[in-house]
Amino acid sequence: MPRDDYLSGISAEALNLHAIFAQNIKEARKARGWSQIEAAERCLLSRGAYRAVENGELGTAIGVYWLVLDTFGLIDGVAELAAPHKDEIGRRNREVRAKR
């Protein structure tokens, strides 16, 4: 997966999680018995744009991922991404500010 300059700051852990995310999407497609072409058509994407999702290409717009997840019926967990209750640093900072 080529890394552009603006992506060079992404940690190895984040890259690994993104690769797992892309693999999960691929597995979800296969579990539905869809080809990449059928998945792309259902998502109203070109085959190349859909393939970029499954390949985990980092330059793919996040909206494309949301579209794929929504089409697959997997959008529910997105609200948990960066949720305030999971942000330990943010929680501590809010507590400090509240004590002032």
PDB file of N, CA and C in Angstrom:
ATOM      1  N   MET A   1       0.843  -1.158   0.000  1.00  0.00           N
ATOM      2  CA  MET A   1       0.000   0.000   0.000  1.00  0.00           C
ATOM      3  C   MET A   1       0.903   1.240   0.000  1.00  0.00           C
ATOM      4  N   PRO A   2       0.901   2.048  -1.065  1.00  0.00           N
ATOM      5  CA  PRO A   2       1.764   3.224  -1.104  1.00  0.00           C
ATOM      6  C   PRO A   2       1.304   4.269  -0.093  1.00  0.00           C
ATOM      7  N   ARG A   3       2.291   4.941   0.505  1.00  0.00           N
ATOM      8  CA  ARG A   3       1.969   5.967   1.488  1.00  0.00           C
ATOM      9  C   ARG A   3       2.385   7.319   0.949  1.00  0.00           C
ATOM     10  N   ASP A   4       1.408   8.206   0.788  1.00  0.00           N
ATOM     11  CA  ASP A   4       1.698   9.566   0.363  1.00  0.00           C
ATOM     12  C   ASP A   4       2.294  10.332   1.536  1.00  0.00           C
ATOM     13  N   ASP A   5       2.926  11.481   1.263  1.00  0.00           N
ATOM     14  CA  ASP A   5       3.555  12.280   2.304  1.00  0.00           C
ATOM     15  C   ASP A   5       2.593  12.619   3.428  1.00  0.00           C
ATOM     16  N   TYR A   6       1.369  12.986   3.088  1.00  0.00           N
ATOM     17  CA  TYR A   6       0.419  13.384   4.129  1.00  0.00           C
ATOM     18  C   TYR A   6      -0.031  12.199   4.985  1.00  0.00           C
ATOM     19  N   LEU A   7       0.285  11.000   4.576  1.00  0.00           N
ATOM     20  CA  LEU A   7      -0.079   9.807   5.343  1.00  0.00           C
ATOM     21  C   LEU A   7       1.099   9.237   6.120  1.00  0.00           C
ATOM     22  N   SER A   8       2.267   9.839   5.991  1.00  0.00           N
ATOM     23  CA  SER A   8       3.465   9.266   6.592  1.00  0.00           C
ATOM     24  C   SER A   8       3.438   9.273   8.115  1.00  0.00           C
ATOM     25  N   GLY A   9       2.591  10.073   8.720  1.00  0.00           N
ATOM     26  CA  GLY A   9       2.517  10.128  10.178  1.00  0.00           C
ATOM     27  C   GLY A   9       1.605   9.083  10.796  1.00  0.00           C
ATOM     28  N   ILE A  10       0.985   8.263  10.000  1.00  0.00           N
ATOM     29  CA  ILE A  10       0.081   7.240  10.527  1.00  0.00           C
ATOM     30  C   ILE A  10       0.898   6.132  11.185  1.00  0.00           C
ATOM     31  N   SER A  11       0.512   5.780  12.393  1.00  0.00           N
ATOM     32  CA  SER A  11       1.251   4.759  13.134  1.00  0.00           C
ATOM     33  C   SER A  11       1.057   3.376  12.523  1.00  0.00           C
ATOM     34  N   ALA A  12       1.984   2.492  12.824  1.00  0.00           N
ATOM     35  CA  ALA A  12       1.879   1.099  12.363  1.00  0.00           C
ATOM     36  C   ALA A  12       0.608   0.457  12.916  1.00  0.00           C
ATOM     37  N   GLU A  13       0.259   0.782  14.145  1.00  0.00           N
ATOM     38  CA  GLU A  13      -0.962   0.228  14.740  1.00  0.00           C
ATOM     39  C   GLU A  13      -2.202   0.672  13.957  1.00  0.00           C
ATOM     40  N   ALA A  14      -2.264   1.960  13.605  1.00  0.00           N
ATOM     41  CA  ALA A  14      -3.409   2.459  12.835  1.00  0.00           C
ATOM     42  C   ALA A  14      -3.461   1.812  11.459  1.00  0.00           C
ATOM     43  N   LEU A  15      -2.311   1.644  10.825  1.00  0.00           N
ATOM     44  CA  LEU A  15      -2.273   0.983   9.509  1.00  0.00           C
ATOM     45  C   LEU A  15      -2.757  -0.450   9.610  1.00  0.00           C
ATOM     46  N   ASN A  16      -2.359  -1.142  10.671  1.00  0.00           N
ATOM     47  CA  ASN A  16      -2.793  -2.518  10.874  1.00  0.00           C
ATOM     48  C   ASN A  16      -4.308  -2.585  11.082  1.00  0.00           C
ATOM     49  N   LEU A  17      -4.841  -1.680  11.888  1.00  0.00           N
ATOM     50  CA  LEU A  17      -6.290  -1.663  12.118  1.00  0.00           C
ATOM     51  C   LEU A  17      -7.049  -1.355  10.841  1.00  0.00           C
ATOM     52  N   HIS A  18      -6.503  -0.469  10.023  1.00  0.00           N
ATOM     53  CA  HIS A  18      -7.156  -0.150   8.752  1.00  0.00           C
ATOM     54  C   HIS A  18      -7.152  -1.376   7.829  1.00  0.00           C
ATOM     55  N   ALA A  19      -6.060  -2.109   7.819  1.00  0.00           N
ATOM     56  CA  ALA A  19      -5.988  -3.329   7.003  1.00  0.00           C
ATOM     57  C   ALA A  19      -7.013  -4.353   7.483  1.00  0.00           C
ATOM     58  N   ILE A  20      -7.186  -4.463   8.783  1.00  0.00           N
ATOM     59  CA  ILE A  20      -8.199  -5.379   9.338  1.00  0.00           C
ATOM     60  C   ILE A  20      -9.588  -4.920   8.927  1.00  0.00           C
ATOM     61  N   PHE A  21      -9.842  -3.613   8.999  1.00  0.00           N
ATOM     62  CA  PHE A  21     -11.122  -3.039   8.591  1.00  0.00           C
ATOM     63  C   PHE A  21     -11.431  -3.389   7.135  1.00  0.00           C
ATOM     64  N   ALA A  22     -10.445  -3.209   6.260  1.00  0.00           N
ATOM     65  CA  ALA A  22     -10.630  -3.526   4.843  1.00  0.00           C
ATOM     66  C   ALA A  22     -10.900  -5.018   4.653  1.00  0.00           C
ATOM     67  N   GLN A  23     -10.185  -5.844   5.380  1.00  0.00           N
ATOM     68  CA  GLN A  23     -10.394  -7.290   5.296  1.00  0.00           C
ATOM     69  C   GLN A  23     -11.788  -7.664   5.793  1.00  0.00           C
ATOM     70  N   ASN A  24     -12.249  -6.995   6.839  1.00  0.00           N
ATOM     71  CA  ASN A  24     -13.600  -7.252   7.356  1.00  0.00           C
ATOM     72  C   ASN A  24     -14.660  -6.938   6.308  1.00  0.00           C
ATOM     73  N   ILE A  25     -14.457  -5.859   5.569  1.00  0.00           N
ATOM     74  CA  ILE A  25     -15.395  -5.502   4.503  1.00  0.00           C
ATOM     75  C   ILE A  25     -15.380  -6.575   3.423  1.00  0.00           C
ATOM     76  N   LYS A  26     -14.204  -7.040   3.069  1.00  0.00           N
ATOM     77  CA  LYS A  26     -14.087  -8.109   2.066  1.00  0.00           C
ATOM     78  C   LYS A  26     -14.823  -9.363   2.532  1.00  0.00           C
ATOM     79  N   GLU A  27     -14.624  -9.731   3.791  1.00  0.00           N
ATOM     80  CA  GLU A  27     -15.294 -10.917   4.339  1.00  0.00           C
ATOM     81  C   GLU A  27     -16.813 -10.731   4.369  1.00  0.00           C
ATOM     82  N   ALA A  28     -17.268  -9.522   4.675  1.00  0.00           N
ATOM     83  CA  ALA A  28     -18.716  -9.252   4.687  1.00  0.00           C
ATOM     84  C   ALA A  28     -19.301  -9.418   3.293  1.00  0.00           C
ATOM     85  N   ARG A  29     -18.562  -8.943   2.280  1.00  0.00           N
ATOM     86  CA  ARG A  29     -19.027  -9.114   0.896  1.00  0.00           C
ATOM     87  C   ARG A  29     -19.132 -10.588   0.539  1.00  0.00           C
ATOM     88  N   LYS A  30     -18.093 -11.330   0.866  1.00  0.00           N
ATOM     89  CA  LYS A  30     -18.089 -12.762   0.549  1.00  0.00           C
ATOM     90  C   LYS A  30     -19.202 -13.500   1.286  1.00  0.00           C
ATOM     91  N   ALA A  31     -19.452 -13.111   2.537  1.00  0.00           N
ATOM     92  CA  ALA A  31     -20.512 -13.758   3.315  1.00  0.00           C
ATOM     93  C   ALA A  31     -21.883 -13.535   2.678  1.00  0.00           C
ATOM     94  N   ARG A  32     -22.020 -12.435   1.954  1.00  0.00           N
ATOM     95  CA  ARG A  32     -23.279 -12.146   1.263  1.00  0.00           C
ATOM     96  C   ARG A  32     -23.343 -12.830  -0.103  1.00  0.00           C
ATOM     97  N   GLY A  33     -22.235 -13.438  -0.508  1.00  0.00           N
ATOM     98  CA  GLY A  33     -22.194 -14.127  -1.794  1.00  0.00           C
ATOM     99  C   GLY A  33     -22.105 -13.179  -2.974  1.00  0.00           C
ATOM    100  N   TRP A  34     -21.612 -11.975  -2.743  1.00  0.00           N
ATOM    101  CA  TRP A  34     -21.509 -10.980  -3.803  1.00  0.00           C
ATOM    102  C   TRP A  34     -20.110 -10.963  -4.394  1.00  0.00           C
ATOM    103  N   SER A  35     -20.043 -10.751  -5.689  1.00  0.00           N
ATOM    104  CA  SER A  35     -18.757 -10.490  -6.331  1.00  0.00           C
ATOM    105  C   SER A  35     -18.391  -9.030  -6.060  1.00  0.00           C
ATOM    106  N   GLN A  36     -17.153  -8.658  -6.351  1.00  0.00           N
ATOM    107  CA  GLN A  36     -16.781  -7.250  -6.208  1.00  0.00           C
ATOM    108  C   GLN A  36     -17.622  -6.376  -7.130  1.00  0.00           C
ATOM    109  N   ILE A  37     -17.911  -6.868  -8.311  1.00  0.00           N
ATOM    110  CA  ILE A  37     -18.722  -6.105  -9.261  1.00  0.00           C
ATOM    111  C   ILE A  37     -20.121  -5.889  -8.695  1.00  0.00           C
ATOM    112  N   GLU A  38     -20.735  -6.939  -8.140  1.00  0.00           N
ATOM    113  CA  GLU A  38     -22.070  -6.803  -7.566  1.00  0.00           C
ATOM    114  C   GLU A  38     -22.063  -5.860  -6.369  1.00  0.00           C
ATOM    115  N   ALA A  39     -21.059  -5.966  -5.526  1.00  0.00           N
ATOM    116  CA  ALA A  39     -20.959  -5.070  -4.369  1.00  0.00           C
ATOM    117  C   ALA A  39     -20.818  -3.629  -4.835  1.00  0.00           C
ATOM    118  N   ALA A  40     -19.969  -3.403  -5.820  1.00  0.00           N
ATOM    119  CA  ALA A  40     -19.779  -2.051  -6.354  1.00  0.00           C
ATOM    120  C   ALA A  40     -21.097  -1.505  -6.899  1.00  0.00           C
ATOM    121  N   GLU A  41     -21.827  -2.332  -7.648  1.00  0.00           N
ATOM    122  CA  GLU A  41     -23.109  -1.890  -8.200  1.00  0.00           C
ATOM    123  C   GLU A  41     -24.099  -1.551  -7.095  1.00  0.00           C
ATOM    124  N   ARG A  42     -24.173  -2.391  -6.064  1.00  0.00           N
ATOM    125  CA  ARG A  42     -25.092  -2.145  -4.950  1.00  0.00           C
ATOM    126  C   ARG A  42     -24.731  -0.872  -4.200  1.00  0.00           C
ATOM    127  N   CYS A  43     -23.440  -0.544  -4.166  1.00  0.00           N
ATOM    128  CA  CYS A  43     -22.959   0.668  -3.489  1.00  0.00           C
ATOM    129  C   CYS A  43     -22.967   1.885  -4.412  1.00  0.00           C
ATOM    130  N   LEU A  44     -23.323   1.680  -5.680  1.00  0.00           N
ATOM    131  CA  LEU A  44     -23.303   2.735  -6.692  1.00  0.00           C
ATOM    132  C   LEU A  44     -21.899   3.313  -6.870  1.00  0.00           C
ATOM    133  N   LEU A  45     -20.911   2.419  -6.829  1.00  0.00           N
ATOM    134  CA  LEU A  45     -19.510   2.781  -7.010  1.00  0.00           C
ATOM    135  C   LEU A  45     -18.963   2.105  -8.255  1.00  0.00           C
ATOM    136  N   SER A  46     -17.885   2.655  -8.774  1.00  0.00           N
ATOM    137  CA  SER A  46     -17.172   1.945  -9.834  1.00  0.00           C
ATOM    138  C   SER A  46     -16.489   0.742  -9.197  1.00  0.00           C
ATOM    139  N   ARG A  47     -16.142  -0.233 -10.015  1.00  0.00           N
ATOM    140  CA  ARG A  47     -15.436  -1.399  -9.478  1.00  0.00           C
ATOM    141  C   ARG A  47     -14.100  -0.975  -8.871  1.00  0.00           C
ATOM    142  N   GLY A  48     -13.433  -0.026  -9.497  1.00  0.00           N
ATOM    143  CA  GLY A  48     -12.153   0.453  -8.995  1.00  0.00           C
ATOM    144  C   GLY A  48     -12.283   1.118  -7.627  1.00  0.00           C
ATOM    145  N   ALA A  49     -13.327   1.923  -7.456  1.00  0.00           N
ATOM    146  CA  ALA A  49     -13.545   2.585  -6.161  1.00  0.00           C
ATOM    147  C   ALA A  49     -13.858   1.544  -5.091  1.00  0.00           C
ATOM    148  N   TYR A  50     -14.660   0.546  -5.451  1.00  0.00           N
ATOM    149  CA  TYR A  50     -14.971  -0.501  -4.475  1.00  0.00           C
ATOM    150  C   TYR A  50     -13.715  -1.316  -4.151  1.00  0.00           C
ATOM    151  N   ARG A  51     -12.945  -1.645  -5.163  1.00  0.00           N
ATOM    152  CA  ARG A  51     -11.714  -2.410  -4.960  1.00  0.00           C
ATOM    153  C   ARG A  51     -10.759  -1.667  -4.023  1.00  0.00           C
ATOM    154  N   ALA A  52     -10.712  -0.330  -4.133  1.00  0.00           N
ATOM    155  CA  ALA A  52      -9.858   0.476  -3.258  1.00  0.00           C
ATOM    156  C   ALA A  52     -10.265   0.302  -1.792  1.00  0.00           C
ATOM    157  N   VAL A  53     -11.557   0.159  -1.544  1.00  0.00           N
ATOM    158  CA  VAL A  53     -12.045  -0.073  -0.176  1.00  0.00           C
ATOM    159  C   VAL A  53     -11.503  -1.402   0.339  1.00  0.00           C
ATOM    160  N   GLU A  54     -11.689  -2.450  -0.419  1.00  0.00           N
ATOM    161  CA  GLU A  54     -11.226  -3.776   0.012  1.00  0.00           C
ATOM    162  C   GLU A  54      -9.707  -3.866   0.091  1.00  0.00           C
ATOM    163  N   ASN A  55      -9.020  -3.066  -0.707  1.00  0.00           N
ATOM    164  CA  ASN A  55      -7.558  -3.055  -0.655  1.00  0.00           C
ATOM    165  C   ASN A  55      -7.035  -2.168   0.468  1.00  0.00           C
ATOM    166  N   GLY A  56      -7.938  -1.447   1.109  1.00  0.00           N
ATOM    167  CA  GLY A  56      -7.529  -0.586   2.211  1.00  0.00           C
ATOM    168  C   GLY A  56      -6.690   0.594   1.770  1.00  0.00           C
ATOM    169  N   GLU A  57      -6.947   1.104   0.577  1.00  0.00           N
ATOM    170  CA  GLU A  57      -6.186   2.242   0.084  1.00  0.00           C
ATOM    171  C   GLU A  57      -6.508   3.463   0.935  1.00  0.00           C
ATOM    172  N   LEU A  58      -5.478   4.018   1.547  1.00  0.00           N
ATOM    173  CA  LEU A  58      -5.659   5.094   2.516  1.00  0.00           C
ATOM    174  C   LEU A  58      -6.182   6.385   1.920  1.00  0.00           C
ATOM    175  N   GLY A  59      -6.028   6.586   0.642  1.00  0.00           N
ATOM    176  CA  GLY A  59      -6.530   7.799  -0.001  1.00  0.00           C
ATOM    177  C   GLY A  59      -8.016   7.748  -0.313  1.00  0.00           C
ATOM    178  N   THR A  60      -8.668   6.640  -0.041  1.00  0.00           N
ATOM    179  CA  THR A  60     -10.098   6.502  -0.308  1.00  0.00           C
ATOM    180  C   THR A  60     -10.874   7.368   0.674  1.00  0.00           C
ATOM    181  N   ALA A  61     -11.811   8.142   0.163  1.00  0.00           N
ATOM    182  CA  ALA A  61     -12.596   9.049   1.006  1.00  0.00           C
ATOM    183  C   ALA A  61     -13.383   8.279   2.053  1.00  0.00           C
ATOM    184  N   ILE A  62     -13.465   8.834   3.239  1.00  0.00           N
ATOM    185  CA  ILE A  62     -14.176   8.161   4.323  1.00  0.00           C
ATOM    186  C   ILE A  62     -15.655   7.970   3.981  1.00  0.00           C
ATOM    187  N   GLY A  63     -16.215   8.888   3.206  1.00  0.00           N
ATOM    188  CA  GLY A  63     -17.610   8.748   2.800  1.00  0.00           C
ATOM    189  C   GLY A  63     -17.859   7.490   1.991  1.00  0.00           C
ATOM    190  N   VAL A  64     -16.858   7.059   1.246  1.00  0.00           N
ATOM    191  CA  VAL A  64     -16.986   5.818   0.465  1.00  0.00           C
ATOM    192  C   VAL A  64     -17.101   4.630   1.421  1.00  0.00           C
ATOM    193  N   TYR A  65     -16.297   4.657   2.495  1.00  0.00           N
ATOM    194  CA  TYR A  65     -16.393   3.581   3.485  1.00  0.00           C
ATOM    195  C   TYR A  65     -17.775   3.581   4.150  1.00  0.00           C
ATOM    196  N   TRP A  66     -18.290   4.782   4.497  1.00  0.00           N
ATOM    197  CA  TRP A  66     -19.616   4.846   5.121  1.00  0.00           C
ATOM    198  C   TRP A  66     -20.679   4.294   4.175  1.00  0.00           C
ATOM    199  N   LEU A  67     -20.561   4.624   2.890  1.00  0.00           N
ATOM    200  CA  LEU A  67     -21.506   4.118   1.891  1.00  0.00           C
ATOM    201  C   LEU A  67     -21.481   2.596   1.839  1.00  0.00           C
ATOM    202  N   VAL A  68     -20.293   2.022   1.820  1.00  0.00           N
ATOM    203  CA  VAL A  68     -20.167   0.560   1.783  1.00  0.00           C
ATOM    204  C   VAL A  68     -20.745  -0.048   3.051  1.00  0.00           C
ATOM    205  N   LEU A  69     -20.390   0.491   4.203  1.00  0.00           N
ATOM    206  CA  LEU A  69     -20.917  -0.046   5.465  1.00  0.00           C
ATOM    207  C   LEU A  69     -22.437   0.055   5.514  1.00  0.00           C
ATOM    208  N   ASP A  70     -22.980   1.176   5.063  1.00  0.00           N
ATOM    209  CA  ASP A  70     -24.437   1.361   5.054  1.00  0.00           C
ATOM    210  C   ASP A  70     -25.094   0.353   4.118  1.00  0.00           C
ATOM    211  N   THR A  71     -24.536   0.168   2.938  1.00  0.00           N
ATOM    212  CA  THR A  71     -25.085  -0.790   1.969  1.00  0.00           C
ATOM    213  C   THR A  71     -25.056  -2.211   2.523  1.00  0.00           C
ATOM    214  N   PHE A  72     -24.018  -2.530   3.281  1.00  0.00           N
ATOM    215  CA  PHE A  72     -23.876  -3.866   3.862  1.00  0.00           C
ATOM    216  C   PHE A  72     -24.687  -4.027   5.145  1.00  0.00           C
ATOM    217  N   GLY A  73     -25.280  -2.934   5.634  1.00  0.00           N
ATOM    218  CA  GLY A  73     -26.028  -2.996   6.885  1.00  0.00           C
ATOM    219  C   GLY A  73     -25.123  -3.048   8.105  1.00  0.00           C
ATOM    220  N   LEU A  74     -23.933  -2.469   7.991  1.00  0.00           N
ATOM    221  CA  LEU A  74     -22.939  -2.529   9.068  1.00  0.00           C
ATOM    222  C   LEU A  74     -22.604  -1.152   9.633  1.00  0.00           C
ATOM    223  N   ILE A  75     -23.452  -0.175   9.457  1.00  0.00           N
ATOM    224  CA  ILE A  75     -23.157   1.210   9.838  1.00  0.00           C
ATOM    225  C   ILE A  75     -23.303   1.458  11.349  1.00  0.00           C
ATOM    226  N   ASP A  76     -24.000   0.582  12.060  1.00  0.00           N
ATOM    227  CA  ASP A  76     -24.312   0.824  13.472  1.00  0.00           C
ATOM    228  C   ASP A  76     -23.102   1.148  14.342  1.00  0.00           C
ATOM    229  N   GLY A  77     -22.004   0.466  14.201  1.00  0.00           N
ATOM    230  CA  GLY A  77     -20.851   0.655  15.061  1.00  0.00           C
ATOM    231  C   GLY A  77     -20.078   1.938  14.823  1.00  0.00           C
ATOM    232  N   VAL A  78     -20.387   2.673  13.770  1.00  0.00           N
ATOM    233  CA  VAL A  78     -19.636   3.875  13.428  1.00  0.00           C
ATOM    234  C   VAL A  78     -19.760   4.937  14.521  1.00  0.00           C
ATOM    235  N   ALA A  79     -20.876   5.019  15.189  1.00  0.00           N
ATOM    236  CA  ALA A  79     -21.070   6.028  16.232  1.00  0.00           C
ATOM    237  C   ALA A  79     -20.093   5.850  17.388  1.00  0.00           C
ATOM    238  N   GLU A  80     -19.524   4.670  17.525  1.00  0.00           N
ATOM    239  CA  GLU A  80     -18.568   4.406  18.607  1.00  0.00           C
ATOM    240  C   GLU A  80     -17.166   4.916  18.288  1.00  0.00           C
ATOM    241  N   LEU A  81     -16.904   5.216  17.025  1.00  0.00           N
ATOM    242  CA  LEU A  81     -15.584   5.723  16.650  1.00  0.00           C
ATOM    243  C   LEU A  81     -15.382   7.104  17.264  1.00  0.00           C
ATOM    244  N   ALA A  82     -14.332   7.266  17.996  1.00  0.00           N
ATOM    245  CA  ALA A  82     -13.970   8.539  18.641  1.00  0.00           C
ATOM    246  C   ALA A  82     -15.072   9.044  19.579  1.00  0.00           C
ATOM    247  N   ALA A  83     -15.869   8.144  20.115  1.00  0.00           N
ATOM    248  CA  ALA A  83     -16.942   8.530  21.035  1.00  0.00           C
ATOM    249  C   ALA A  83     -16.357   9.125  22.309  1.00  0.00           C
ATOM    250  N   PRO A  84     -16.992  10.161  22.850  1.00  0.00           N
ATOM    251  CA  PRO A  84     -16.466  10.813  24.050  1.00  0.00           C
ATOM    252  C   PRO A  84     -16.209   9.862  25.218  1.00  0.00           C
ATOM    253  N   HIS A  85     -17.043   8.869  25.393  1.00  0.00           N
ATOM    254  CA  HIS A  85     -16.846   7.952  26.527  1.00  0.00           C
ATOM    255  C   HIS A  85     -15.620   7.047  26.347  1.00  0.00           C
ATOM    256  N   LYS A  86     -15.074   7.006  25.141  1.00  0.00           N
ATOM    257  CA  LYS A  86     -13.868   6.219  24.890  1.00  0.00           C
ATOM    258  C   LYS A  86     -12.607   7.084  24.888  1.00  0.00           C
ATOM    259  N   ASP A  87     -12.785   8.375  25.020  1.00  0.00           N
ATOM    260  CA  ASP A  87     -11.675   9.332  24.956  1.00  0.00           C
ATOM    261  C   ASP A  87     -11.190   9.634  26.372  1.00  0.00           C
ATOM    262  N   GLU A  88     -10.249   8.836  26.839  1.00  0.00           N
ATOM    263  CA  GLU A  88      -9.741   8.976  28.206  1.00  0.00           C
ATOM    264  C   GLU A  88      -9.098  10.339  28.446  1.00  0.00           C
ATOM    265  N   ILE A  89      -8.299  10.808  27.515  1.00  0.00           N
ATOM    266  CA  ILE A  89      -7.647  12.113  27.665  1.00  0.00           C
ATOM    267  C   ILE A  89      -8.690  13.223  27.691  1.00  0.00           C
ATOM    268  N   GLY A  90      -9.634  13.158  26.781  1.00  0.00           N
ATOM    269  CA  GLY A  90     -10.701  14.162  26.744  1.00  0.00           C
ATOM    270  C   GLY A  90     -11.516  14.160  28.027  1.00  0.00           C
ATOM    271  N   ARG A  91     -11.804  12.973  28.541  1.00  0.00           N
ATOM    272  CA  ARG A  91     -12.571  12.865  29.785  1.00  0.00           C
ATOM    273  C   ARG A  91     -11.821  13.516  30.938  1.00  0.00           C
ATOM    274  N   ARG A  92     -10.532  13.206  31.036  1.00  0.00           N
ATOM    275  CA  ARG A  92      -9.723  13.806  32.110  1.00  0.00           C
ATOM    276  C   ARG A  92      -9.655  15.324  31.978  1.00  0.00           C
ATOM    277  N   ASN A  93      -9.509  15.825  30.759  1.00  0.00           N
ATOM    278  CA  ASN A  93      -9.451  17.269  30.542  1.00  0.00           C
ATOM    279  C   ASN A  93     -10.781  17.930  30.917  1.00  0.00           C
ATOM    280  N   ARG A  94     -11.887  17.287  30.600  1.00  0.00           N
ATOM    281  CA  ARG A  94     -13.197  17.846  30.974  1.00  0.00           C
ATOM    282  C   ARG A  94     -13.335  17.887  32.489  1.00  0.00           C
ATOM    283  N   GLU A  95     -12.866  16.831  33.168  1.00  0.00           N
ATOM    284  CA  GLU A  95     -12.936  16.799  34.630  1.00  0.00           C
ATOM    285  C   GLU A  95     -12.101  17.903  35.255  1.00  0.00           C
ATOM    286  N   VAL A  96     -10.897  18.138  34.731  1.00  0.00           N
ATOM    287  CA  VAL A  96     -10.028  19.204  35.242  1.00  0.00           C
ATOM    288  C   VAL A  96     -10.701  20.564  35.049  1.00  0.00           C
ATOM    289  N   ARG A  97     -11.245  20.794  33.860  1.00  0.00           N
ATOM    290  CA  ARG A  97     -11.916  22.080  33.585  1.00  0.00           C
ATOM    291  C   ARG A  97     -13.139  22.255  34.479  1.00  0.00           C
ATOM    292  N   ALA A  98     -13.843  21.174  34.757  1.00  0.00           N
ATOM    293  CA  ALA A  98     -15.049  21.266  35.594  1.00  0.00           C
ATOM    294  C   ALA A  98     -14.703  21.612  37.035  1.00  0.00           C
ATOM    295  N   LYS A  99     -13.505  21.263  37.485  1.00  0.00           N
ATOM    296  CA  LYS A  99     -13.076  21.546  38.860  1.00  0.00           C
ATOM    297  C   LYS A  99     -12.645  22.993  39.040  1.00  0.00           C
ATOM    298  N   ARG A 100     -12.387  23.702  37.961  1.00  0.00           N
ATOM    299  CA  ARG A 100     -11.919  25.095  38.048  1.00  0.00           C
ATOM    300  C   ARG A 100     -13.014  26.013  38.455  1.00  0.00           C
TER     301      ARG A 100
END
